[in-house]
Amino acid sequence: MTTLTSYVCGAWHEGQGTPRPLFNPATGEELAGADSTGIDFAKVVAHARDVGGPALREVGFATRAQWLKALSGALHEQREELVDLAKSNGGNTRGDAKFDIDGATGTLAAYASFGKRLPDTNHLPDGDGIQLGRTPRYWGQHIKVPRLGVAVHINAFNFPAWGAAEKMACSLLAGVPVIEKPGTPSALVAWRMAQIVVESGILPEGSFQFICGSVGDLLDHLGPQDCLAFTGSSGTAAKLKGHDCFTQRNTRINIEADSLNSAILGPKTDDDSEVFTMFLSQIATDMTQKAGQKCTAIRRILVPEDRVEEVREGLVDRLSATKVGDPADSDNRMGPVASESQLKDVRAGIDAIAAVSDTALGGSDPIADTGCFVAPTLLVAKDANSDIIHSDEVFGPCATILPYSGDAKDAIALTNRGGGGLVASVYSNDKKWATEVTLGIAPWHGRVCLGSDKVASLAMPPGMVLPQMVHGGPGRAGGGEELGGLRGLDFYMQRTAIQGDQAVLTREFGAPTDTSVSD
């Protein structure tokens, strides 16, 4: 059995306690153990601040962008090994494993591309200069500079590669060292990635550290120049937010938590239109990809009352064709959920929503003698306003059809009952209706995808997170924001207003005429 180690203070550390076991969720085989006992987290934070930070800031944005490009290449070279680990430890099919790993290398490459057009300095102008006095001589300019602390990244189990890479890309390009902590159940992929990062020698010492296991008293050592980016449950997020480092020392925190994402079908969408096919196809994809274990997966399907049966039949046809089983068999198109605890939670969640719904397909009953398998489950709400449908997220291959009148205001009200989401998708060729719905749900969502005949052949499913677009959402989704092109650097930088002689400010801090610093 493999013992997963942590990389801290320039060396690999093997835990001194009892390792937490990691399993193959398809077979139950124990694969590895993870433990971080014995790590001196005060020294880890100091190593990042005193060694990693200065090394990153010794160069500028353009050089750090080159490092990200090289890092993407180093990880891509080991793609097949990482895919195999994701299949065994994460229960991913080959397609799901590639989705995670290619998402990681693609995001690193994207930020390398964003950064190559930045100056090789450690400050960025933020907007145009401003005349402050009665003549232009007295001038103001906002700038952004790297914070002088460390970025702690606590990542979720469902995307051990992509989740880490999207945070690392922004932090490292900004010039802030990282301490990465993966979700333990699927940590084999993240651990091997950490080995590749260290062995590559691309990043300067102290700029990357890796904790496999508990973070212990790490948060006790964070201060006002540090930050924490967390992806996970709202319950854990609430506990984190109450820590002294956030309430008393003003450490920054960014949270991505729960999300009851909606797919909304417009009332005038013909069944033979491209957008209707797009609607069915994208829902089926987002329900079954990663066994529904995506923070952006569709959970609620809003359908005009007179189209419910048609949509139910179309989705049942697509979902029934999904072969579920051990991802070691290439014929299978959906693997298990990640762990026994996840299986228990998903089954309980399905039963809770099924109590107020009709079951069109699937359910919580076991579908295999061993392994953490759940059938793709489609429910039809008896009452679209049932509280539990808008309060409980089933983090697995389950979604619920919600009949509604077809009126834009009804669609807005139902969608916003989710309390804040990462993404919602609107499917209609009626521009006026789609615009009204979009503006009505935008305050409660980080991203809205508009599906129509014109983009049906081009658009990706709403569950696809793109580095150019913001990822995050208000309310129950955590209130955080990641990615969004160069906006992703803002969390790791300080915005400062400089006032003085226009000639000095323009020369030292102004924007080069050929460089855009916002996307």
Protein backbone atom coordinates (compact mmCIF):
# COMPACT_ATOMS: atom_id res chain seq x y z
CA MET A 1 0.00 0.00 0.00
CA THR A 2 1.27 3.46 -0.90
CA THR A 3 1.85 5.99 1.88
CA LEU A 4 1.12 9.48 0.63
CA THR A 5 3.59 12.08 1.82
CA SER A 6 3.52 15.88 2.12
CA TYR A 7 6.02 18.28 0.57
CA VAL A 8 6.91 21.00 3.07
CA CYS A 9 9.93 23.20 3.76
CA GLY A 10 11.83 21.72 0.83
CA ALA A 11 11.45 18.03 1.75
CA TRP A 12 8.96 15.17 1.64
CA HIS A 13 7.39 14.40 5.01
CA GLU A 14 5.82 11.06 6.00
CA GLY A 15 3.11 11.35 8.64
CA GLN A 16 3.80 10.02 12.11
CA GLY A 17 0.23 9.01 12.97
CA THR A 18 -2.34 6.53 11.68
CA PRO A 19 -2.93 7.07 7.96
CA ARG A 20 -6.46 7.62 6.68
CA PRO A 21 -7.11 4.95 4.02
CA LEU A 22 -7.95 5.72 0.39
CA PHE A 23 -10.02 3.24 -1.59
CA ASN A 24 -11.00 2.28 -5.11
CA PRO A 25 -14.72 3.18 -4.96
CA ALA A 26 -15.56 0.64 -7.67
CA THR A 27 -14.01 -2.39 -5.96
CA GLY A 28 -13.45 -1.39 -2.34
CA GLU A 29 -9.72 -2.15 -2.62
CA GLU A 30 -7.55 -0.12 -0.23
CA LEU A 31 -5.00 1.79 -2.31
CA ALA A 32 -3.09 4.15 -0.05
CA GLY A 33 -3.01 6.00 3.24
CA ALA A 34 -2.67 9.73 3.98
CA ASP A 35 -1.44 11.39 7.15
CA SER A 36 0.15 14.76 7.92
CA THR A 37 0.85 14.26 11.63
CA GLY A 38 4.12 15.80 12.77
CA ILE A 39 4.25 18.72 10.36
CA ASP A 40 5.22 22.05 11.93
CA PHE A 41 2.70 24.28 10.19
CA ALA A 42 4.22 27.48 11.58
CA LYS A 43 7.43 26.62 9.74
CA VAL A 44 5.48 25.73 6.59
CA VAL A 45 3.83 29.16 6.51
CA ALA A 46 7.11 30.91 7.29
CA HIS A 47 8.87 28.97 4.51
CA ALA A 48 6.27 30.15 2.02
CA ARG A 49 6.43 33.78 3.15
CA ASP A 50 10.20 34.06 3.63
CA VAL A 51 11.49 31.84 0.81
CA GLY A 52 8.74 31.24 -1.74
CA GLY A 53 7.26 34.73 -1.89
CA PRO A 54 10.52 36.62 -2.46
CA ALA A 55 11.58 34.07 -5.10
CA LEU A 56 8.34 34.56 -7.02
CA ARG A 57 8.51 38.35 -6.79
CA GLU A 58 12.16 38.41 -7.86
CA VAL A 59 10.76 38.01 -11.37
CA GLY A 60 7.66 39.53 -12.97
CA PHE A 61 4.37 38.42 -14.46
CA ALA A 62 5.73 37.46 -17.88
CA THR A 63 8.40 35.18 -16.40
CA ARG A 64 5.94 33.53 -14.05
CA ALA A 65 3.66 32.96 -17.04
CA GLN A 66 6.49 31.03 -18.71
CA TRP A 67 6.72 28.85 -15.60
CA LEU A 68 3.01 28.07 -15.82
CA LYS A 69 3.40 27.03 -19.44
CA ALA A 70 6.30 24.72 -18.55
CA LEU A 71 4.31 23.31 -15.62
CA SER A 72 1.37 22.54 -17.90
CA GLY A 73 3.72 20.67 -20.23
CA ALA A 74 5.33 18.68 -17.41
CA LEU A 75 1.95 17.50 -16.14
CA HIS A 76 0.69 16.73 -19.64
CA GLU A 77 3.68 14.44 -20.21
CA GLN A 78 2.39 12.23 -17.37
CA ARG A 79 -1.22 12.39 -18.53
CA GLU A 80 -1.75 8.65 -18.95
CA GLU A 81 -0.38 7.85 -15.50
CA LEU A 82 -2.67 10.49 -13.96
CA VAL A 83 -5.65 9.12 -15.91
CA ASP A 84 -5.02 5.63 -14.54
CA LEU A 85 -4.83 6.97 -10.97
CA ALA A 86 -8.08 8.87 -11.44
CA LYS A 87 -9.78 5.71 -12.69
CA SER A 88 -8.67 3.64 -9.70
CA ASN A 89 -8.86 6.16 -6.83
CA GLY A 90 -11.54 8.54 -8.13
CA GLY A 91 -13.81 6.01 -9.83
CA ASN A 92 -13.55 8.07 -13.02
CA THR A 93 -14.16 6.73 -16.48
CA ARG A 94 -11.36 7.54 -18.90
CA GLY A 95 -13.44 10.41 -20.28
CA ASP A 96 -14.07 11.84 -16.80
CA ALA A 97 -10.40 11.48 -15.85
CA LYS A 98 -9.31 13.34 -18.98
CA PHE A 99 -11.90 16.03 -18.25
CA ASP A 100 -10.22 16.68 -14.89
CA ILE A 101 -6.58 16.36 -15.94
CA ASP A 102 -6.89 18.18 -19.26
CA GLY A 103 -8.84 20.88 -17.43
CA ALA A 104 -5.86 21.28 -15.11
CA THR A 105 -3.20 21.51 -17.80
CA GLY A 106 -5.46 23.62 -20.01
CA THR A 107 -6.07 26.16 -17.25
CA LEU A 108 -2.35 26.45 -16.49
CA ALA A 109 -1.71 26.97 -20.21
CA ALA A 110 -4.51 29.55 -20.43
CA TYR A 111 -3.02 31.62 -17.60
CA ALA A 112 0.38 31.32 -19.21
CA SER A 113 -1.20 32.89 -22.29
CA PHE A 114 -2.94 35.61 -20.25
CA GLY A 115 0.32 36.42 -18.47
CA LYS A 116 2.63 36.57 -21.46
CA ARG A 117 1.14 39.91 -22.50
CA LEU A 118 1.72 41.44 -19.08
CA PRO A 119 4.86 43.40 -18.24
CA ASP A 120 7.68 41.60 -16.44
CA THR A 121 7.10 43.71 -13.34
CA ASN A 122 5.36 43.13 -10.01
CA HIS A 123 2.68 45.76 -10.33
CA LEU A 124 -0.22 46.27 -12.70
CA PRO A 125 -2.07 49.51 -13.41
CA ASP A 126 -5.74 49.22 -12.53
CA GLY A 127 -7.61 51.43 -14.97
CA ASP A 128 -6.67 54.83 -16.33
CA GLY A 129 -5.07 57.63 -14.38
CA ILE A 130 -7.29 60.34 -12.88
CA GLN A 131 -6.79 64.12 -12.63
CA LEU A 132 -7.14 65.07 -8.96
CA GLY A 133 -6.17 68.76 -8.90
CA ARG A 134 -7.11 71.86 -10.80
CA THR A 135 -4.44 70.92 -13.36
CA PRO A 136 -3.34 67.46 -14.60
CA ARG A 137 -0.06 67.79 -12.70
CA TYR A 138 -1.65 66.35 -9.55
CA TRP A 139 -2.64 62.87 -10.62
CA GLY A 140 -4.02 59.59 -9.27
CA GLN A 141 -3.43 56.02 -10.41
CA HIS A 142 -4.70 52.75 -8.95
CA ILE A 143 -2.30 49.84 -9.08
CA LYS A 144 -2.34 46.18 -8.04
CA VAL A 145 0.64 44.51 -6.33
CA PRO A 146 1.18 40.95 -5.00
CA ARG A 147 0.27 40.42 -1.38
CA LEU A 148 3.24 39.45 0.79
CA GLY A 149 1.72 36.33 2.33
CA VAL A 150 0.81 32.78 1.41
CA ALA A 151 -2.22 31.31 -0.37
CA VAL A 152 -3.70 28.22 1.27
CA HIS A 153 -5.80 26.17 -1.14
CA ILE A 154 -8.19 23.58 0.31
CA ASN A 155 -9.58 21.61 -2.61
CA ALA A 156 -12.53 19.24 -3.05
CA PHE A 157 -12.38 15.52 -3.77
CA ASN A 158 -14.23 15.65 -7.08
CA PHE A 159 -11.59 17.51 -9.14
CA PRO A 160 -8.19 16.74 -7.58
CA ALA A 161 -6.30 18.00 -10.65
CA TRP A 162 -8.38 20.82 -12.10
CA GLY A 163 -9.42 22.26 -8.74
CA ALA A 164 -5.82 22.63 -7.63
CA ALA A 165 -4.54 23.94 -10.97
CA GLU A 166 -7.10 26.71 -11.35
CA LYS A 167 -6.19 28.13 -7.95
CA MET A 168 -2.44 27.66 -8.46
CA ALA A 169 -2.49 29.33 -11.87
CA CYS A 170 -3.94 32.57 -10.49
CA SER A 171 -1.89 32.64 -7.29
CA LEU A 172 1.49 31.84 -8.86
CA LEU A 173 0.98 34.27 -11.75
CA ALA A 174 0.10 36.95 -9.19
CA GLY A 175 3.36 36.19 -7.33
CA VAL A 176 1.96 34.52 -4.19
CA PRO A 177 3.26 31.12 -2.97
CA VAL A 178 0.79 28.25 -2.47
CA ILE A 179 0.11 25.54 0.07
CA GLU A 180 -2.12 22.94 -1.58
CA LYS A 181 -4.37 20.58 0.40
CA PRO A 182 -6.37 18.03 -1.65
CA GLY A 183 -9.58 16.27 -0.68
CA THR A 184 -8.33 13.08 0.95
CA PRO A 185 -10.62 10.42 -0.65
CA SER A 186 -9.16 11.05 -4.14
CA ALA A 187 -5.73 12.38 -3.14
CA LEU A 188 -3.67 9.94 -5.24
CA VAL A 189 -3.98 12.13 -8.33
CA ALA A 190 -3.12 15.32 -6.43
CA TRP A 191 -0.16 13.62 -4.71
CA ARG A 192 1.31 12.40 -8.00
CA MET A 193 0.78 15.88 -9.46
CA ALA A 194 2.69 17.33 -6.51
CA GLN A 195 5.55 14.93 -7.19
CA ILE A 196 5.65 16.02 -10.83
CA VAL A 197 5.66 19.70 -9.85
CA VAL A 198 8.54 19.21 -7.40
CA GLU A 199 10.56 16.91 -9.66
CA SER A 200 10.24 19.33 -12.58
CA GLY A 201 12.21 22.02 -10.74
CA ILE A 202 10.22 24.66 -12.61
CA LEU A 203 9.00 26.58 -9.57
CA PRO A 204 11.38 28.22 -7.08
CA GLU A 205 11.68 26.61 -3.65
CA GLY A 206 8.99 27.61 -1.20
CA SER A 207 6.51 28.70 -3.87
CA PHE A 208 4.75 25.30 -3.82
CA GLN A 209 4.03 23.14 -0.78
CA PHE A 210 1.62 20.24 -0.47
CA ILE A 211 -0.26 18.85 2.55
CA CYS A 212 -1.67 15.32 2.28
CA GLY A 213 -3.94 14.87 5.29
CA SER A 214 -5.20 17.27 7.93
CA VAL A 215 -4.11 20.92 7.92
CA GLY A 216 -3.80 20.81 11.72
CA ASP A 217 -3.23 24.27 13.19
CA LEU A 218 -2.26 25.82 9.85
CA LEU A 219 -4.95 28.51 10.03
CA ASP A 220 -3.63 29.67 13.40
CA HIS A 221 -0.55 31.01 11.61
CA LEU A 222 -2.32 33.02 8.90
CA GLY A 223 -2.43 36.81 9.03
CA PRO A 224 -3.64 39.87 7.11
CA GLN A 225 -1.40 39.35 4.05
CA ASP A 226 -2.47 35.69 3.65
CA CYS A 227 -5.51 34.16 1.99
CA LEU A 228 -7.49 30.92 1.89
CA ALA A 229 -9.37 29.62 -1.14
CA PHE A 230 -11.75 26.81 -0.19
CA THR A 231 -13.90 24.51 -2.32
CA GLY A 232 -16.26 22.17 -0.50
CA SER A 233 -19.43 21.95 1.55
CA SER A 234 -21.20 24.97 3.01
CA GLY A 235 -21.04 23.34 6.44
CA THR A 236 -17.25 23.16 6.39
CA ALA A 237 -17.09 26.66 4.92
CA ALA A 238 -19.16 28.03 7.81
CA LYS A 239 -16.75 26.51 10.33
CA LEU A 240 -13.76 27.95 8.50
CA LYS A 241 -15.23 31.45 8.38
CA GLY A 242 -15.49 31.51 12.16
CA HIS A 243 -11.73 31.06 12.65
CA ASP A 244 -9.81 33.86 14.36
CA CYS A 245 -7.61 34.46 11.32
CA PHE A 246 -10.69 35.68 9.41
CA THR A 247 -12.64 37.36 12.21
CA GLN A 248 -9.71 39.04 13.99
CA ARG A 249 -6.70 39.15 11.65
CA ASN A 250 -8.57 39.78 8.38
CA THR A 251 -7.06 36.96 6.38
CA ARG A 252 -8.83 36.91 3.02
CA ILE A 253 -11.14 33.99 2.27
CA ASN A 254 -12.79 32.85 -0.97
CA ILE A 255 -15.41 30.11 -0.82
CA GLU A 256 -17.04 27.94 -3.45
CA ALA A 257 -19.73 25.84 -1.78
CA ASP A 258 -23.11 24.29 -2.64
CA SER A 259 -25.15 25.09 -5.73
CA LEU A 260 -28.56 23.94 -7.00
CA ASN A 261 -27.87 24.77 -10.63
CA SER A 262 -30.87 25.11 -12.95
CA ALA A 263 -31.56 24.38 -16.61
CA ILE A 264 -34.55 26.42 -17.83
CA LEU A 265 -36.50 25.53 -20.97
CA GLY A 266 -38.34 28.41 -22.60
CA PRO A 267 -42.07 28.14 -23.45
CA LYS A 268 -41.73 28.55 -27.22
CA THR A 269 -39.09 25.93 -27.93
CA ASP A 270 -40.11 23.49 -30.67
CA ASP A 271 -39.29 19.84 -30.11
CA ASP A 272 -37.52 19.66 -33.47
CA SER A 273 -35.34 22.72 -32.81
CA GLU A 274 -31.62 22.52 -32.26
CA VAL A 275 -31.92 24.24 -28.89
CA PHE A 276 -34.34 21.57 -27.59
CA THR A 277 -31.88 18.83 -28.53
CA MET A 278 -29.13 20.90 -26.90
CA PHE A 279 -31.23 21.18 -23.72
CA LEU A 280 -31.70 17.41 -23.40
CA SER A 281 -28.14 16.55 -24.35
CA GLN A 282 -26.48 19.00 -21.96
CA ILE A 283 -28.64 17.91 -19.02
CA ALA A 284 -27.81 14.25 -19.62
CA THR A 285 -24.11 15.08 -19.85
CA ASP A 286 -24.02 17.14 -16.68
CA MET A 287 -26.02 14.56 -14.73
CA THR A 288 -23.70 11.67 -15.56
CA GLN A 289 -20.25 13.23 -16.05
CA LYS A 290 -18.14 12.52 -12.96
CA ALA A 291 -21.21 10.58 -11.69
CA GLY A 292 -22.87 13.94 -11.11
CA GLN A 293 -20.15 14.99 -8.67
CA LYS A 294 -19.64 18.45 -10.10
CA CYS A 295 -20.38 21.69 -8.31
CA THR A 296 -21.74 22.95 -11.65
CA ALA A 297 -23.94 19.91 -12.43
CA ILE A 298 -27.61 20.53 -13.23
CA ARG A 299 -29.85 19.71 -10.24
CA ARG A 300 -33.15 21.42 -11.17
CA ILE A 301 -34.79 21.25 -14.61
CA LEU A 302 -37.46 23.90 -15.18
CA VAL A 303 -39.93 22.80 -17.87
CA PRO A 304 -43.20 24.41 -19.05
CA GLU A 305 -46.13 22.37 -17.72
CA ASP A 306 -47.27 21.28 -21.18
CA ARG A 307 -43.80 19.91 -22.07
CA VAL A 308 -43.02 17.84 -18.97
CA GLU A 309 -43.90 14.44 -20.43
CA GLU A 310 -41.92 15.12 -23.59
CA VAL A 311 -38.85 16.20 -21.62
CA ARG A 312 -39.17 13.27 -19.23
CA GLU A 313 -39.22 10.79 -22.12
CA GLY A 314 -36.28 12.45 -23.85
CA LEU A 315 -34.12 12.44 -20.74
CA VAL A 316 -35.06 8.89 -19.76
CA ASP A 317 -34.00 7.71 -23.24
CA ARG A 318 -30.61 9.40 -22.94
CA LEU A 319 -29.92 8.48 -19.32
CA SER A 320 -31.01 4.86 -19.80
CA ALA A 321 -28.30 4.49 -22.43
CA THR A 322 -25.59 5.33 -19.87
CA LYS A 323 -23.82 2.12 -18.89
CA VAL A 324 -22.77 2.23 -15.23
CA GLY A 325 -19.94 0.14 -13.83
CA ASP A 326 -16.27 -0.21 -12.99
CA PRO A 327 -14.35 2.38 -15.06
CA ALA A 328 -11.64 -0.25 -15.61
CA ASP A 329 -14.07 -1.58 -18.24
CA SER A 330 -13.95 0.87 -21.16
CA ASP A 331 -17.55 0.03 -22.10
CA ASN A 332 -18.82 1.74 -18.96
CA ARG A 333 -19.76 5.40 -19.30
CA MET A 334 -20.35 6.29 -15.65
CA GLY A 335 -18.40 5.14 -12.63
CA PRO A 336 -19.18 5.16 -8.90
CA VAL A 337 -19.39 8.10 -6.55
CA ALA A 338 -16.14 8.76 -4.73
CA SER A 339 -16.58 7.00 -1.38
CA GLU A 340 -18.85 5.09 0.97
CA SER A 341 -19.75 8.30 2.78
CA GLN A 342 -20.70 9.95 -0.51
CA LEU A 343 -22.80 6.92 -1.44
CA LYS A 344 -24.68 7.17 1.84
CA ASP A 345 -25.29 10.91 1.39
CA VAL A 346 -26.45 10.54 -2.23
CA ARG A 347 -28.88 7.74 -1.43
CA ALA A 348 -30.34 9.70 1.49
CA GLY A 349 -30.68 12.80 -0.69
CA ILE A 350 -32.45 10.90 -3.47
CA ASP A 351 -34.90 9.39 -0.97
CA ALA A 352 -35.65 12.82 0.53
CA ILE A 353 -36.50 14.42 -2.82
CA ALA A 354 -38.28 11.29 -4.09
CA ALA A 355 -40.69 11.65 -1.17
CA VAL A 356 -42.13 14.77 -2.85
CA SER A 357 -41.62 13.63 -6.46
CA ASP A 358 -42.40 10.87 -8.94
CA THR A 359 -39.42 8.74 -9.95
CA ALA A 360 -39.01 8.65 -13.71
CA LEU A 361 -35.74 6.70 -13.68
CA GLY A 362 -33.32 5.23 -11.17
CA GLY A 363 -33.57 5.73 -7.44
CA SER A 364 -31.52 4.97 -4.35
CA ASP A 365 -31.62 1.17 -4.52
CA PRO A 366 -28.24 -0.61 -4.92
CA ILE A 367 -27.35 -1.49 -8.49
CA ALA A 368 -24.25 -3.61 -7.74
CA ASP A 369 -23.11 -6.03 -5.04
CA THR A 370 -19.91 -4.06 -4.44
CA GLY A 371 -18.74 -0.53 -5.07
CA CYS A 372 -20.27 2.92 -4.62
CA PHE A 373 -22.57 2.86 -7.62
CA VAL A 374 -25.74 4.91 -8.05
CA ALA A 375 -28.11 4.78 -10.99
CA PRO A 376 -28.74 7.96 -13.00
CA THR A 377 -31.87 9.27 -11.30
CA LEU A 378 -34.51 11.54 -12.78
CA LEU A 379 -37.34 12.79 -10.57
CA VAL A 380 -40.43 14.85 -11.43
CA ALA A 381 -41.62 17.17 -8.68
CA LYS A 382 -45.24 16.85 -7.59
CA ASP A 383 -45.04 20.44 -6.42
CA ALA A 384 -42.28 22.61 -7.91
CA ASN A 385 -42.33 24.75 -4.77
CA SER A 386 -41.48 21.91 -2.36
CA ASP A 387 -38.88 23.37 -0.01
CA ILE A 388 -36.55 20.38 -0.03
CA ILE A 389 -36.00 20.59 -3.79
CA HIS A 390 -34.64 24.11 -3.34
CA SER A 391 -32.63 23.41 -0.20
CA ASP A 392 -30.99 19.97 -0.54
CA GLU A 393 -28.26 19.28 -3.10
CA VAL A 394 -27.81 15.64 -4.04
CA PHE A 395 -24.13 15.51 -5.02
CA GLY A 396 -24.51 12.66 -7.48
CA PRO A 397 -26.26 11.69 -10.75
CA CYS A 398 -29.67 13.06 -9.78
CA ALA A 399 -31.85 15.91 -11.05
CA THR A 400 -35.49 16.94 -10.65
CA ILE A 401 -37.92 18.25 -13.27
CA LEU A 402 -39.87 21.26 -11.99
CA PRO A 403 -43.05 22.06 -13.96
CA TYR A 404 -43.72 25.80 -14.26
CA SER A 405 -46.17 28.00 -16.14
CA GLY A 406 -43.76 29.14 -18.85
CA ASP A 407 -43.95 32.73 -17.67
CA ALA A 408 -40.55 34.41 -17.28
CA LYS A 409 -41.37 35.69 -13.80
CA ASP A 410 -42.24 32.17 -12.62
CA ALA A 411 -38.97 30.83 -14.03
CA ILE A 412 -37.04 33.58 -12.25
CA ALA A 413 -38.77 32.99 -8.93
CA LEU A 414 -38.21 29.21 -8.98
CA THR A 415 -34.59 29.49 -10.05
CA ASN A 416 -33.72 32.09 -7.44
CA ARG A 417 -35.21 29.89 -4.71
CA GLY A 418 -31.93 27.99 -4.86
CA GLY A 419 -30.46 30.77 -2.74
CA GLY A 420 -27.54 31.52 -5.04
CA GLY A 421 -25.82 29.39 -7.67
CA LEU A 422 -22.66 28.90 -9.67
CA VAL A 423 -24.40 28.57 -13.04
CA ALA A 424 -27.83 28.49 -14.63
CA SER A 425 -28.66 27.78 -18.26
CA VAL A 426 -31.52 29.26 -20.29
CA TYR A 427 -32.67 27.51 -23.48
CA SER A 428 -34.82 29.54 -25.86
CA ASN A 429 -34.84 31.19 -29.27
CA ASP A 430 -37.10 33.93 -27.88
CA LYS A 431 -34.57 36.70 -27.27
CA LYS A 432 -36.91 38.90 -25.26
CA TRP A 433 -37.95 36.07 -22.93
CA ALA A 434 -34.36 34.83 -22.49
CA THR A 435 -33.13 38.35 -21.74
CA GLU A 436 -35.81 38.89 -19.08
CA VAL A 437 -34.97 35.59 -17.38
CA THR A 438 -31.23 36.22 -17.58
CA LEU A 439 -31.45 39.64 -15.95
CA GLY A 440 -33.85 38.29 -13.35
CA ILE A 441 -31.56 35.48 -12.20
CA ALA A 442 -28.18 37.21 -12.72
CA PRO A 443 -28.03 38.74 -9.19
CA TRP A 444 -28.19 35.23 -7.76
CA HIS A 445 -25.76 33.50 -10.13
CA GLY A 446 -22.10 33.74 -11.03
CA ARG A 447 -22.65 32.60 -14.62
CA VAL A 448 -25.61 32.25 -16.99
CA CYS A 449 -25.41 30.22 -20.22
CA LEU A 450 -27.82 31.11 -23.05
CA GLY A 451 -28.70 28.25 -25.38
CA SER A 452 -30.25 28.87 -28.80
CA ASP A 453 -30.25 27.40 -32.28
CA LYS A 454 -27.46 29.78 -33.27
CA VAL A 455 -24.98 28.42 -30.68
CA ALA A 456 -26.21 24.82 -30.40
CA SER A 457 -23.30 23.46 -32.45
CA LEU A 458 -20.72 25.55 -30.59
CA ALA A 459 -21.69 25.79 -26.94
CA MET A 460 -20.29 23.61 -24.18
CA PRO A 461 -22.48 22.25 -21.38
CA PRO A 462 -22.96 24.71 -18.52
CA GLY A 463 -20.99 22.38 -16.23
CA MET A 464 -17.82 23.23 -18.15
CA VAL A 465 -15.76 25.85 -16.27
CA LEU A 466 -13.71 28.05 -18.61
CA PRO A 467 -10.64 29.98 -17.41
CA GLN A 468 -11.78 33.08 -19.31
CA MET A 469 -15.07 33.26 -17.40
CA VAL A 470 -15.80 33.85 -13.73
CA HIS A 471 -16.40 30.77 -11.59
CA GLY A 472 -18.25 31.33 -8.32
CA GLY A 473 -21.59 32.56 -7.12
CA PRO A 474 -23.44 34.43 -4.37
CA GLY A 475 -25.41 33.11 -1.42
CA ARG A 476 -25.32 29.37 -0.82
CA ALA A 477 -22.69 29.04 -3.59
CA GLY A 478 -20.22 30.66 -1.20
CA GLY A 479 -20.07 34.26 -2.34
CA GLY A 480 -16.67 33.72 -3.94
CA GLU A 481 -15.18 34.30 -7.36
CA GLU A 482 -12.33 32.54 -9.18
CA LEU A 483 -10.88 32.62 -12.70
CA GLY A 484 -12.46 35.13 -15.12
CA GLY A 485 -9.23 35.74 -17.02
CA LEU A 486 -6.97 38.21 -15.24
CA ARG A 487 -9.75 38.92 -12.74
CA GLY A 488 -8.60 35.71 -11.06
CA LEU A 489 -5.44 37.48 -9.88
CA ASP A 490 -7.36 40.09 -7.87
CA PHE A 491 -7.86 37.84 -4.84
CA TYR A 492 -4.09 37.52 -4.46
CA MET A 493 -3.25 41.19 -4.99
CA GLN A 494 -3.65 44.48 -3.14
CA ARG A 495 -5.25 47.43 -4.91
CA THR A 496 -3.50 50.66 -3.89
CA ALA A 497 -4.26 54.26 -4.90
CA ILE A 498 -1.15 56.30 -5.73
CA GLN A 499 -1.38 60.12 -5.76
CA GLY A 500 1.30 62.53 -6.93
CA ASP A 501 3.11 64.10 -9.87
CA GLN A 502 1.50 62.96 -13.11
CA ALA A 503 4.84 62.58 -14.88
CA VAL A 504 6.16 60.22 -12.18
CA LEU A 505 2.93 58.25 -11.84
CA THR A 506 2.50 57.83 -15.58
CA ARG A 507 6.11 56.75 -16.06
CA GLU A 508 6.32 54.38 -13.07
CA PHE A 509 2.78 53.10 -12.64
CA GLY A 510 0.75 53.84 -15.77
CA ALA A 511 -0.50 51.30 -18.28
CA PRO A 512 1.60 50.63 -21.42
CA THR A 513 -0.47 51.63 -24.43
CA ASP A 514 -0.32 48.09 -25.94
CA THR A 515 -1.19 46.16 -22.77
CA SER A 516 -4.66 45.35 -21.48
CA VAL A 517 -4.76 44.30 -17.85
CA SER A 518 -8.42 43.37 -17.55
CA ASP A 519 -10.55 40.86 -19.43
